[in-house]
């Protein structure tokens, strides 16, 4: 069935992160969380940028809590 094919165990990589698409293709590119700029969320945003680069930024000025395509 192909389950797990191409899976990379994050803890085997520096920073315990490896970019992978784990969601079904029908959900690719959807956003379910956009961190704010206050408190710990600012640190979360930094970490997401370090992992994903430009892909971590909403780009469209998306609203917190809303998903985008």
C-alpha atoms as a PDB file:
ATOM      1  CA  UNK A   1       0.000   0.000   0.000  1.00  0.00           C
ATOM      2  CA  UNK A   2       3.011   2.301   0.285  1.00  0.00           C
ATOM      3  CA  UNK A   3       2.375   3.535   3.805  1.00  0.00           C
ATOM      4  CA  UNK A   4       5.570   4.949   5.262  1.00  0.00           C
ATOM      5  CA  UNK A   5       7.377   4.984   1.927  1.00  0.00           C
ATOM      6  CA  UNK A   6       9.942   7.803   1.934  1.00  0.00           C
ATOM      7  CA  UNK A   7       9.417   8.508   5.641  1.00  0.00           C
ATOM      8  CA  UNK A   8      12.377  10.166   7.343  1.00  0.00           C
ATOM      9  CA  UNK A   9      12.606   9.958  11.122  1.00  0.00           C
ATOM     10  CA  UNK A  10      13.049  13.569  12.247  1.00  0.00           C
ATOM     11  CA  UNK A  11      15.190  12.651  15.250  1.00  0.00           C
ATOM     12  CA  UNK A  12      17.850  11.299  12.907  1.00  0.00           C
ATOM     13  CA  UNK A  13      18.379  14.819  11.512  1.00  0.00           C
ATOM     14  CA  UNK A  14      19.952  18.003  12.865  1.00  0.00           C
ATOM     15  CA  UNK A  15      17.457  20.016  14.867  1.00  0.00           C
ATOM     16  CA  UNK A  16      15.096  17.004  14.912  1.00  0.00           C
ATOM     17  CA  UNK A  17      13.430  18.240  11.742  1.00  0.00           C
ATOM     18  CA  UNK A  18      13.174  17.064   8.175  1.00  0.00           C
ATOM     19  CA  UNK A  19      10.775  18.667   5.682  1.00  0.00           C
ATOM     20  CA  UNK A  20       8.175  16.124   4.625  1.00  0.00           C
ATOM     21  CA  UNK A  21       4.643  16.256   3.285  1.00  0.00           C
ATOM     22  CA  UNK A  22       2.763  13.939   5.657  1.00  0.00           C
ATOM     23  CA  UNK A  23      -0.776  15.047   4.949  1.00  0.00           C
ATOM     24  CA  UNK A  24      -2.840  13.751   2.046  1.00  0.00           C
ATOM     25  CA  UNK A  25      -2.379  15.655  -1.235  1.00  0.00           C
ATOM     26  CA  UNK A  26      -5.895  17.065  -0.853  1.00  0.00           C
ATOM     27  CA  UNK A  27      -4.649  19.006   2.223  1.00  0.00           C
ATOM     28  CA  UNK A  28      -1.319  20.129   0.765  1.00  0.00           C
ATOM     29  CA  UNK A  29      -0.760  23.865   1.181  1.00  0.00           C
ATOM     30  CA  UNK A  30      -3.566  24.418   3.706  1.00  0.00           C
ATOM     31  CA  UNK A  31      -2.733  26.376   6.859  1.00  0.00           C
ATOM     32  CA  UNK A  32      -4.337  25.568  10.176  1.00  0.00           C
ATOM     33  CA  UNK A  33      -2.172  27.656  12.465  1.00  0.00           C
ATOM     34  CA  UNK A  34      -0.537  31.039  12.089  1.00  0.00           C
ATOM     35  CA  UNK A  35       1.379  32.084  15.202  1.00  0.00           C
ATOM     36  CA  UNK A  36       0.888  35.577  16.562  1.00  0.00           C
ATOM     37  CA  UNK A  37       3.638  38.016  17.473  1.00  0.00           C
ATOM     38  CA  UNK A  38       3.244  38.056  21.262  1.00  0.00           C
ATOM     39  CA  UNK A  39       5.001  35.964  23.871  1.00  0.00           C
ATOM     40  CA  UNK A  40       5.842  32.383  23.066  1.00  0.00           C
ATOM     41  CA  UNK A  41       4.036  32.518  19.717  1.00  0.00           C
ATOM     42  CA  UNK A  42       6.768  34.827  18.410  1.00  0.00           C
ATOM     43  CA  UNK A  43       9.309  32.088  19.208  1.00  0.00           C
ATOM     44  CA  UNK A  44       7.112  29.530  17.473  1.00  0.00           C
ATOM     45  CA  UNK A  45       6.999  31.782  14.393  1.00  0.00           C
ATOM     46  CA  UNK A  46      10.808  32.028  14.416  1.00  0.00           C
ATOM     47  CA  UNK A  47      11.134  28.276  14.606  1.00  0.00           C
ATOM     48  CA  UNK A  48       8.674  27.734  11.757  1.00  0.00           C
ATOM     49  CA  UNK A  49      10.622  30.215   9.604  1.00  0.00           C
ATOM     50  CA  UNK A  50      13.874  28.391  10.412  1.00  0.00           C
ATOM     51  CA  UNK A  51      12.308  25.077   9.365  1.00  0.00           C
ATOM     52  CA  UNK A  52      10.206  26.096   6.399  1.00  0.00           C
ATOM     53  CA  UNK A  53      11.595  29.445   5.242  1.00  0.00           C
ATOM     54  CA  UNK A  54       9.171  31.405   3.081  1.00  0.00           C
ATOM     55  CA  UNK A  55       6.613  28.600   3.238  1.00  0.00           C
ATOM     56  CA  UNK A  56       6.036  29.422   6.919  1.00  0.00           C
ATOM     57  CA  UNK A  57       4.877  32.991   6.230  1.00  0.00           C
ATOM     58  CA  UNK A  58       1.203  33.537   5.367  1.00  0.00           C
ATOM     59  CA  UNK A  59       2.213  35.808   2.488  1.00  0.00           C
ATOM     60  CA  UNK A  60      -1.359  36.961   1.999  1.00  0.00           C
ATOM     61  CA  UNK A  61      -1.611  38.687   5.379  1.00  0.00           C
ATOM     62  CA  UNK A  62      -3.765  35.756   6.494  1.00  0.00           C
ATOM     63  CA  UNK A  63      -5.746  36.148   9.647  1.00  0.00           C
ATOM     64  CA  UNK A  64      -4.766  34.272  12.761  1.00  0.00           C
ATOM     65  CA  UNK A  65      -6.734  31.052  13.112  1.00  0.00           C
ATOM     66  CA  UNK A  66      -7.864  30.941   9.489  1.00  0.00           C
ATOM     67  CA  UNK A  67      -6.601  28.471   6.951  1.00  0.00           C
ATOM     68  CA  UNK A  68      -5.389  29.481   3.535  1.00  0.00           C
ATOM     69  CA  UNK A  69      -4.579  27.571   0.371  1.00  0.00           C
END
